[in-house]
Amino acid sequence: MHRREPGNPSDSLLQIAAKQNTLRHLPAFNQNRMNFTIVAKDGISHLAIEGQLDAVSVGDLRLELDKLVSTRPRAVEVDLTNLRLIDSSGVGALVSLYKRVKQQGGNVLINGIRDQPLAIFQLLKLDRMMLRPAKKPTPRVTR
């Protein structure tokens, strides 16, 4: 049973817990954050995303992706090696990046995807389109 201590009725549970020094697990809470870096070099933009790309964190990334697309990069390499979790909002942001860059004649390549993010991409069949470099399909040999 969680008991609310007397005090300001507008205090959130986090504020109450902070007053009572019961936020011992706050660092674990902060581990759910998403970090990203964007570096442009020789006409190629490198985007690295780590942590959790979800509805809570995707807003900051979308703003930067909009700026990135406005520079009309000829190629964007996305490194997801350190991405632990992705939800539909995160997938939507990456698909939007992919479509907009392709529409401008650029190319997007996603590298290092694994674990839960890879499973989501495979489930949505995005791995077929977004995880391989753009090249002509090899003709099949029939006998």
Protein backbone atom coordinates (compact mmCIF):
# COMPACT_ATOMS: atom_id res chain seq x y z
CA MET A 1 0.00 0.00 0.00
CA HIS A 2 1.42 3.36 -1.01
CA ARG A 3 0.67 6.10 1.48
CA ARG A 4 0.77 9.76 0.59
CA GLU A 5 2.41 11.93 3.20
CA PRO A 6 0.76 15.20 4.13
CA GLY A 7 2.11 18.19 2.27
CA ASN A 8 1.33 20.11 -0.82
CA PRO A 9 -1.53 18.30 -2.60
CA SER A 10 -0.02 19.16 -5.97
CA ASP A 11 3.24 17.29 -5.23
CA SER A 12 3.86 14.45 -7.66
CA LEU A 13 4.87 11.01 -6.41
CA LEU A 14 8.44 11.74 -7.53
CA GLN A 15 8.51 14.99 -5.54
CA ILE A 16 7.15 13.20 -2.46
CA ALA A 17 9.69 10.39 -2.86
CA ALA A 18 12.50 12.93 -3.24
CA LYS A 19 11.45 14.63 0.01
CA GLN A 20 11.50 11.24 1.73
CA ASN A 21 14.86 10.26 0.16
CA THR A 22 13.35 7.14 -1.38
CA LEU A 23 14.64 7.63 -4.94
CA ARG A 24 17.49 5.17 -4.59
CA HIS A 25 16.79 3.60 -7.98
CA LEU A 26 16.71 6.86 -9.93
CA PRO A 27 19.91 5.99 -11.88
CA ALA A 28 18.14 2.92 -13.28
CA PHE A 29 15.30 5.21 -14.32
CA ASN A 30 17.77 7.43 -16.19
CA GLN A 31 19.24 4.45 -18.06
CA ASN A 32 16.16 4.49 -20.26
CA ARG A 33 17.30 7.67 -21.95
CA MET A 34 18.20 7.90 -25.59
CA ASN A 35 21.33 9.62 -26.83
CA PHE A 36 22.31 10.33 -30.39
CA THR A 37 25.06 11.99 -32.37
CA ILE A 38 25.02 13.33 -35.91
CA VAL A 39 28.28 13.98 -37.72
CA ALA A 40 28.53 15.07 -41.36
CA LYS A 41 31.71 14.24 -43.23
CA ASP A 42 32.41 14.25 -46.98
CA GLY A 43 28.71 14.47 -47.88
CA ILE A 44 27.79 11.52 -45.69
CA SER A 45 25.87 12.04 -42.47
CA HIS A 46 26.56 9.57 -39.66
CA LEU A 47 23.80 9.13 -37.08
CA ALA A 48 24.42 6.98 -34.00
CA ILE A 49 21.54 6.24 -31.64
CA GLU A 50 21.89 4.52 -28.28
CA GLY A 51 19.56 3.61 -25.44
CA GLN A 52 15.82 3.47 -26.01
CA LEU A 53 14.14 5.10 -29.00
CA ASP A 54 10.52 5.33 -27.94
CA ALA A 55 7.56 7.71 -27.73
CA VAL A 56 9.15 9.53 -24.79
CA SER A 57 12.53 10.16 -26.45
CA VAL A 58 11.73 10.40 -30.16
CA GLY A 59 10.66 14.07 -30.09
CA ASP A 60 14.20 15.42 -29.70
CA LEU A 61 15.48 13.13 -32.43
CA ARG A 62 12.74 14.13 -34.89
CA LEU A 63 13.76 17.79 -34.67
CA GLU A 64 17.35 16.92 -35.52
CA LEU A 65 16.29 14.53 -38.30
CA ASP A 66 14.30 17.37 -39.86
CA LYS A 67 17.44 19.54 -39.83
CA LEU A 68 19.47 16.66 -41.26
CA VAL A 69 17.04 16.07 -44.14
CA SER A 70 16.99 19.80 -44.94
CA THR A 71 20.75 19.60 -45.73
CA ARG A 72 19.92 17.14 -48.55
CA PRO A 73 22.59 14.56 -47.65
CA ARG A 74 23.60 12.17 -50.40
CA ALA A 75 23.97 9.39 -47.84
CA VAL A 76 22.99 8.77 -44.22
CA GLU A 77 24.56 5.96 -42.24
CA VAL A 78 22.60 5.06 -39.12
CA ASP A 79 24.46 3.10 -36.43
CA LEU A 80 22.11 1.23 -34.08
CA THR A 81 24.78 -0.92 -32.41
CA ASN A 82 23.96 0.50 -28.97
CA LEU A 83 20.19 0.79 -29.41
CA ARG A 84 18.55 -1.48 -26.81
CA LEU A 85 14.86 -0.86 -27.52
CA ILE A 86 12.66 0.67 -30.19
CA ASP A 87 8.89 1.14 -30.31
CA SER A 88 6.53 2.19 -33.10
CA SER A 89 7.38 5.88 -32.62
CA GLY A 90 11.07 5.16 -33.07
CA VAL A 91 10.42 2.98 -36.11
CA GLY A 92 8.26 5.76 -37.56
CA ALA A 93 11.07 8.29 -37.17
CA LEU A 94 13.57 6.03 -38.95
CA VAL A 95 11.13 5.15 -41.75
CA SER A 96 10.38 8.86 -42.21
CA LEU A 97 14.11 9.61 -42.44
CA TYR A 98 14.53 6.80 -44.97
CA LYS A 99 11.65 7.95 -47.18
CA ARG A 100 12.59 11.63 -47.16
CA VAL A 101 16.28 11.05 -47.93
CA LYS A 102 15.40 8.57 -50.71
CA GLN A 103 12.89 11.06 -52.15
CA GLN A 104 15.73 13.59 -52.43
CA GLY A 105 17.89 11.04 -54.28
CA GLY A 106 19.98 10.06 -51.26
CA ASN A 107 20.65 6.71 -49.67
CA VAL A 108 20.12 5.48 -46.09
CA LEU A 109 21.94 2.49 -44.64
CA ILE A 110 21.20 1.14 -41.17
CA ASN A 111 24.05 -0.76 -39.51
CA GLY A 112 24.57 -2.64 -36.27
CA ILE A 113 20.93 -3.38 -35.51
CA ARG A 114 20.47 -6.33 -33.15
CA ASP A 115 18.33 -7.86 -30.41
CA GLN A 116 14.89 -6.30 -29.89
CA PRO A 117 15.24 -3.58 -32.57
CA LEU A 118 16.25 -6.22 -35.15
CA ALA A 119 13.29 -8.40 -34.19
CA ILE A 120 10.92 -5.43 -34.69
CA PHE A 121 12.44 -4.61 -38.10
CA GLN A 122 12.12 -8.27 -39.16
CA LEU A 123 8.54 -8.50 -37.90
CA LEU A 124 7.62 -5.41 -39.93
CA LYS A 125 9.70 -6.69 -42.89
CA LEU A 126 11.69 -3.45 -42.84
CA ASP A 127 14.92 -5.43 -42.80
CA ARG A 128 14.43 -6.22 -46.50
CA MET A 129 14.31 -2.57 -47.47
CA MET A 130 16.27 -0.59 -44.91
CA LEU A 131 19.10 -2.84 -43.72
CA ARG A 132 20.87 -3.45 -46.99
CA PRO A 133 22.71 -1.01 -49.23
CA ALA A 134 20.82 0.01 -52.34
CA LYS A 135 22.06 -2.10 -55.24
CA LYS A 136 20.61 -3.90 -58.19
CA PRO A 137 19.24 -7.35 -57.40
CA THR A 138 21.34 -10.27 -58.57
CA PRO A 139 19.58 -12.13 -61.38
CA ARG A 140 18.52 -15.66 -60.54
CA VAL A 141 20.01 -18.51 -62.49
CA THR A 142 17.53 -21.16 -63.56
CA ARG A 143 18.40 -24.55 -64.95
